[in-house]
Amino acid sequence: MVGKVTWPARFILLVAGSTWVGLAYCWGGWLQYGRFLQTWGYSLTALFFGAFLVVSLTSSWLGSILSNRCLRFLGRHSYALYVIHIFPLFFFAPLFARGEPSRFSVITRALALMTGVTTSSHSSVLLIADGLSFLAVAYGLTLLLSIATWYLLERPFLNLKRFFPYTLCIAAPTE
């Protein structure tokens, strides 16, 4: 039975993934908005991840990769990561250039003061350092805040489940 399920899923995974990568390559990136994404793009994404789920559940090596401790840790905190990620991005974005040399950036100003190099002479290197430092600050702070909210909010509420027993109701068969 497993073989009968996995070959269509592997085929869908291959076709959907190839189409995804091909379209992203042709367009120079995955477009966030537009008629294609709003119609076919979401369906293509759902097919890809549905097939990925079937393949990962039937494959022992892929299942072992996905049950990695780091991935399980991120999975435990994924909702908090989703909810909180916008706040560090929103609050720290004005401090970084984010790809435009004309914008103010804490990193480029600090490097210019420390090394004496003007921002115009090595702008591409400074922009890369600025972008990487923005990602490190945003991801690091998002992860720390999500861990804190998990321990301060989610875990105490999950511990309250023991006070609310539930029974599984099975409907009687209808004739």
C-alpha atoms as a PDB file:
ATOM      1  CA  MET A   1       0.000   0.000   0.000  1.00  0.00           C
ATOM      2  CA  VAL A   2       2.837   2.388   0.791  1.00  0.00           C
ATOM      3  CA  GLY A   3       4.294   2.003  -2.710  1.00  0.00           C
ATOM      4  CA  LYS A   4       0.935   2.767  -4.283  1.00  0.00           C
ATOM      5  CA  VAL A   5       0.711   6.008  -2.310  1.00  0.00           C
ATOM      6  CA  THR A   6       4.254   7.267  -2.657  1.00  0.00           C
ATOM      7  CA  TRP A   7       4.824   7.167  -6.421  1.00  0.00           C
ATOM      8  CA  PRO A   8       2.027   9.669  -7.232  1.00  0.00           C
ATOM      9  CA  ALA A   9       3.171  11.848  -4.347  1.00  0.00           C
ATOM     10  CA  ARG A  10       6.772  11.730  -5.547  1.00  0.00           C
ATOM     11  CA  PHE A  11       5.655  12.599  -9.070  1.00  0.00           C
ATOM     12  CA  ILE A  12       3.557  15.531  -7.808  1.00  0.00           C
ATOM     13  CA  LEU A  13       6.453  16.634  -5.609  1.00  0.00           C
ATOM     14  CA  LEU A  14       8.806  16.576  -8.583  1.00  0.00           C
ATOM     15  CA  VAL A  15       6.435  18.380 -10.972  1.00  0.00           C
ATOM     16  CA  ALA A  16       5.230  20.994  -8.474  1.00  0.00           C
ATOM     17  CA  GLY A  17       8.738  21.648  -7.172  1.00  0.00           C
ATOM     18  CA  SER A  18      10.189  21.951 -10.670  1.00  0.00           C
ATOM     19  CA  THR A  19       7.411  24.306 -11.721  1.00  0.00           C
ATOM     20  CA  TRP A  20       7.914  26.365  -8.583  1.00  0.00           C
ATOM     21  CA  VAL A  21      11.664  26.702  -9.104  1.00  0.00           C
ATOM     22  CA  GLY A  22      11.274  27.306 -12.855  1.00  0.00           C
ATOM     23  CA  LEU A  23       8.763  30.086 -12.384  1.00  0.00           C
ATOM     24  CA  ALA A  24      10.824  31.704  -9.659  1.00  0.00           C
ATOM     25  CA  TYR A  25      13.871  31.573 -11.946  1.00  0.00           C
ATOM     26  CA  CYS A  26      11.998  33.054 -14.908  1.00  0.00           C
ATOM     27  CA  TRP A  27      10.500  35.866 -12.849  1.00  0.00           C
ATOM     28  CA  GLY A  28      13.673  36.610 -10.919  1.00  0.00           C
ATOM     29  CA  GLY A  29      12.090  35.537  -7.624  1.00  0.00           C
ATOM     30  CA  TRP A  30       8.781  34.358  -6.282  1.00  0.00           C
ATOM     31  CA  LEU A  31       6.233  37.118  -6.728  1.00  0.00           C
ATOM     32  CA  GLN A  32       4.218  37.900  -3.634  1.00  0.00           C
ATOM     33  CA  TYR A  33       1.239  39.363  -5.410  1.00  0.00           C
ATOM     34  CA  GLY A  34      -0.359  39.005  -8.769  1.00  0.00           C
ATOM     35  CA  ARG A  35      -3.030  37.076 -10.576  1.00  0.00           C
ATOM     36  CA  PHE A  36      -0.933  33.937 -11.026  1.00  0.00           C
ATOM     37  CA  LEU A  37       0.040  33.614  -7.386  1.00  0.00           C
ATOM     38  CA  GLN A  38      -3.447  34.346  -6.133  1.00  0.00           C
ATOM     39  CA  THR A  39      -4.883  31.536  -8.296  1.00  0.00           C
ATOM     40  CA  TRP A  40      -2.413  28.889  -9.431  1.00  0.00           C
ATOM     41  CA  GLY A  41       0.464  29.732  -7.127  1.00  0.00           C
ATOM     42  CA  TYR A  42      -1.315  28.807  -3.914  1.00  0.00           C
ATOM     43  CA  SER A  43      -2.632  25.589  -5.471  1.00  0.00           C
ATOM     44  CA  LEU A  44       0.873  24.703  -6.639  1.00  0.00           C
ATOM     45  CA  THR A  45       2.234  25.404  -3.158  1.00  0.00           C
ATOM     46  CA  ALA A  46      -0.481  23.276  -1.528  1.00  0.00           C
ATOM     47  CA  LEU A  47       0.211  20.379  -3.927  1.00  0.00           C
ATOM     48  CA  PHE A  48       3.935  20.608  -3.268  1.00  0.00           C
ATOM     49  CA  PHE A  49       3.657  20.573   0.516  1.00  0.00           C
ATOM     50  CA  GLY A  50       0.883  17.955   0.513  1.00  0.00           C
ATOM     51  CA  ALA A  51       3.063  15.644  -1.579  1.00  0.00           C
ATOM     52  CA  PHE A  52       6.046  16.479   0.639  1.00  0.00           C
ATOM     53  CA  LEU A  53       4.019  15.462   3.688  1.00  0.00           C
ATOM     54  CA  VAL A  54       3.034  12.117   2.133  1.00  0.00           C
ATOM     55  CA  VAL A  55       6.603  11.392   1.050  1.00  0.00           C
ATOM     56  CA  SER A  56       8.033  12.377   4.436  1.00  0.00           C
ATOM     57  CA  LEU A  57       5.555  10.155   6.301  1.00  0.00           C
ATOM     58  CA  THR A  58       6.404   7.138   4.152  1.00  0.00           C
ATOM     59  CA  SER A  59      10.160   7.689   3.914  1.00  0.00           C
ATOM     60  CA  SER A  60      12.318   6.655   6.847  1.00  0.00           C
ATOM     61  CA  TRP A  61      15.366   8.770   5.936  1.00  0.00           C
ATOM     62  CA  LEU A  62      13.318  11.916   5.320  1.00  0.00           C
ATOM     63  CA  GLY A  63      11.348  11.266   8.499  1.00  0.00           C
ATOM     64  CA  SER A  64      14.564  10.994  10.477  1.00  0.00           C
ATOM     65  CA  ILE A  65      15.807  14.296   9.039  1.00  0.00           C
ATOM     66  CA  LEU A  66      12.529  16.018   9.886  1.00  0.00           C
ATOM     67  CA  SER A  67      12.551  14.636  13.442  1.00  0.00           C
ATOM     68  CA  ASN A  68      15.840  16.396  14.166  1.00  0.00           C
ATOM     69  CA  ARG A  69      16.006  18.042  17.617  1.00  0.00           C
ATOM     70  CA  CYS A  70      16.551  21.525  16.164  1.00  0.00           C
ATOM     71  CA  LEU A  71      13.552  21.220  13.860  1.00  0.00           C
ATOM     72  CA  ARG A  72      11.383  19.893  16.688  1.00  0.00           C
ATOM     73  CA  PHE A  73      12.511  22.824  18.845  1.00  0.00           C
ATOM     74  CA  LEU A  74      11.555  25.288  16.096  1.00  0.00           C
ATOM     75  CA  GLY A  75       8.276  23.422  15.622  1.00  0.00           C
ATOM     76  CA  ARG A  76       7.436  23.779  19.296  1.00  0.00           C
ATOM     77  CA  HIS A  77       7.967  27.539  19.075  1.00  0.00           C
ATOM     78  CA  SER A  78       6.629  27.992  15.537  1.00  0.00           C
ATOM     79  CA  TYR A  79       3.392  29.730  16.468  1.00  0.00           C
ATOM     80  CA  ALA A  80       5.210  32.265  18.633  1.00  0.00           C
ATOM     81  CA  LEU A  81       7.760  32.745  15.843  1.00  0.00           C
ATOM     82  CA  TYR A  82       4.902  33.426  13.450  1.00  0.00           C
ATOM     83  CA  VAL A  83       3.136  35.867  15.752  1.00  0.00           C
ATOM     84  CA  ILE A  84       6.207  37.759  16.989  1.00  0.00           C
ATOM     85  CA  HIS A  85       8.409  37.971  13.885  1.00  0.00           C
ATOM     86  CA  ILE A  86       6.913  41.238  12.690  1.00  0.00           C
ATOM     87  CA  PHE A  87       7.837  43.213  15.813  1.00  0.00           C
ATOM     88  CA  PRO A  88      11.647  42.946  15.575  1.00  0.00           C
ATOM     89  CA  LEU A  89      11.406  43.534  11.840  1.00  0.00           C
ATOM     90  CA  PHE A  90       9.251  46.604  12.339  1.00  0.00           C
ATOM     91  CA  PHE A  91      11.297  48.133  15.161  1.00  0.00           C
ATOM     92  CA  PHE A  92      14.796  47.428  13.828  1.00  0.00           C
ATOM     93  CA  ALA A  93      14.242  47.995  10.095  1.00  0.00           C
ATOM     94  CA  PRO A  94      14.769  51.788  10.311  1.00  0.00           C
ATOM     95  CA  LEU A  95      18.244  51.202  11.761  1.00  0.00           C
ATOM     96  CA  PHE A  96      19.470  49.314   8.700  1.00  0.00           C
ATOM     97  CA  ALA A  97      19.922  50.248   5.033  1.00  0.00           C
ATOM     98  CA  ARG A  98      18.148  47.131   3.706  1.00  0.00           C
ATOM     99  CA  GLY A  99      19.822  47.254   0.307  1.00  0.00           C
ATOM    100  CA  GLU A 100      19.763  50.988  -0.393  1.00  0.00           C
ATOM    101  CA  PRO A 101      23.041  52.881   0.088  1.00  0.00           C
ATOM    102  CA  SER A 102      21.264  56.203   0.593  1.00  0.00           C
ATOM    103  CA  ARG A 103      19.449  55.000   3.724  1.00  0.00           C
ATOM    104  CA  PHE A 104      20.800  55.480   7.215  1.00  0.00           C
ATOM    105  CA  SER A 105      22.372  52.387   8.711  1.00  0.00           C
ATOM    106  CA  VAL A 106      23.851  51.782  12.131  1.00  0.00           C
ATOM    107  CA  ILE A 107      26.249  49.196  10.715  1.00  0.00           C
ATOM    108  CA  THR A 108      27.639  51.319   7.888  1.00  0.00           C
ATOM    109  CA  ARG A 109      28.053  54.320  10.206  1.00  0.00           C
ATOM    110  CA  ALA A 110      29.798  52.215  12.862  1.00  0.00           C
ATOM    111  CA  LEU A 111      32.119  50.573  10.333  1.00  0.00           C
ATOM    112  CA  ALA A 112      32.893  53.938   8.770  1.00  0.00           C
ATOM    113  CA  LEU A 113      33.769  55.403  12.174  1.00  0.00           C
ATOM    114  CA  MET A 114      35.911  52.418  13.192  1.00  0.00           C
ATOM    115  CA  THR A 115      37.815  51.982   9.925  1.00  0.00           C
ATOM    116  CA  GLY A 116      37.720  55.487   8.496  1.00  0.00           C
ATOM    117  CA  VAL A 117      36.372  54.113   5.214  1.00  0.00           C
ATOM    118  CA  THR A 118      33.685  56.205   3.609  1.00  0.00           C
ATOM    119  CA  THR A 119      30.444  54.468   2.820  1.00  0.00           C
ATOM    120  CA  SER A 120      30.657  55.279  -0.882  1.00  0.00           C
ATOM    121  CA  SER A 121      33.997  53.534  -1.483  1.00  0.00           C
ATOM    122  CA  HIS A 122      32.892  50.065  -0.345  1.00  0.00           C
ATOM    123  CA  SER A 123      29.135  50.354  -0.548  1.00  0.00           C
ATOM    124  CA  SER A 124      28.447  46.795  -1.749  1.00  0.00           C
ATOM    125  CA  VAL A 125      30.477  45.195   1.053  1.00  0.00           C
ATOM    126  CA  LEU A 126      28.868  47.469   3.624  1.00  0.00           C
ATOM    127  CA  LEU A 127      25.393  46.722   2.272  1.00  0.00           C
ATOM    128  CA  ILE A 128      26.027  42.977   2.518  1.00  0.00           C
ATOM    129  CA  ALA A 129      27.318  43.381   6.087  1.00  0.00           C
ATOM    130  CA  ASP A 130      24.310  45.560   6.853  1.00  0.00           C
ATOM    131  CA  GLY A 131      21.853  43.027   5.447  1.00  0.00           C
ATOM    132  CA  LEU A 132      23.441  40.093   7.245  1.00  0.00           C
ATOM    133  CA  SER A 133      23.515  41.957  10.538  1.00  0.00           C
ATOM    134  CA  PHE A 134      19.852  42.952  10.109  1.00  0.00           C
ATOM    135  CA  LEU A 135      18.926  39.306   9.545  1.00  0.00           C
ATOM    136  CA  ALA A 136      20.960  38.201  12.555  1.00  0.00           C
ATOM    137  CA  VAL A 137      19.389  40.808  14.838  1.00  0.00           C
ATOM    138  CA  ALA A 138      15.850  40.185  13.548  1.00  0.00           C
ATOM    139  CA  TYR A 139      16.058  36.370  13.652  1.00  0.00           C
ATOM    140  CA  GLY A 140      17.900  36.296  16.971  1.00  0.00           C
ATOM    141  CA  LEU A 141      15.491  38.625  18.704  1.00  0.00           C
ATOM    142  CA  THR A 142      12.473  36.860  17.194  1.00  0.00           C
ATOM    143  CA  LEU A 143      13.746  33.517  18.464  1.00  0.00           C
ATOM    144  CA  LEU A 144      14.476  34.872  21.941  1.00  0.00           C
ATOM    145  CA  LEU A 145      11.060  36.542  22.207  1.00  0.00           C
ATOM    146  CA  SER A 146       9.268  33.427  20.971  1.00  0.00           C
ATOM    147  CA  ILE A 147      11.070  31.232  23.504  1.00  0.00           C
ATOM    148  CA  ALA A 148      10.169  33.673  26.271  1.00  0.00           C
ATOM    149  CA  THR A 149       6.501  33.759  25.262  1.00  0.00           C
ATOM    150  CA  TRP A 150       6.411  29.973  25.060  1.00  0.00           C
ATOM    151  CA  TYR A 151       7.678  29.618  28.618  1.00  0.00           C
ATOM    152  CA  LEU A 152       5.682  32.558  29.998  1.00  0.00           C
ATOM    153  CA  LEU A 153       2.380  32.073  28.133  1.00  0.00           C
ATOM    154  CA  GLU A 154       1.978  28.907  26.100  1.00  0.00           C
ATOM    155  CA  ARG A 155       3.362  26.325  28.501  1.00  0.00           C
ATOM    156  CA  PRO A 156       1.319  27.518  31.513  1.00  0.00           C
ATOM    157  CA  PHE A 157      -1.847  27.436  29.407  1.00  0.00           C
ATOM    158  CA  LEU A 158      -0.984  23.995  28.060  1.00  0.00           C
ATOM    159  CA  ASN A 159      -0.575  22.798  31.644  1.00  0.00           C
ATOM    160  CA  LEU A 160      -4.178  23.855  32.328  1.00  0.00           C
ATOM    161  CA  LYS A 161      -5.441  21.124  29.986  1.00  0.00           C
ATOM    162  CA  ARG A 162      -5.362  18.583  32.782  1.00  0.00           C
ATOM    163  CA  PHE A 163      -8.160  20.472  34.567  1.00  0.00           C
ATOM    164  CA  PHE A 164     -10.495  20.171  31.583  1.00  0.00           C
ATOM    165  CA  PRO A 165     -10.997  16.507  30.746  1.00  0.00           C
ATOM    166  CA  TYR A 166     -12.617  15.718  27.471  1.00  0.00           C
ATOM    167  CA  THR A 167     -14.217  12.607  26.129  1.00  0.00           C
ATOM    168  CA  LEU A 168     -14.159  11.461  22.578  1.00  0.00           C
ATOM    169  CA  CYS A 169     -17.677  11.360  21.201  1.00  0.00           C
ATOM    170  CA  ILE A 170     -18.249   8.840  18.474  1.00  0.00           C
ATOM    171  CA  ALA A 171     -21.427   9.267  16.515  1.00  0.00           C
ATOM    172  CA  ALA A 172     -23.727   6.274  16.315  1.00  0.00           C
ATOM    173  CA  PRO A 173     -23.893   4.787  12.814  1.00  0.00           C
ATOM    174  CA  THR A 174     -26.904   5.926  10.854  1.00  0.00           C
ATOM    175  CA  GLU A 175     -28.906   3.423   8.907  1.00  0.00           C
END
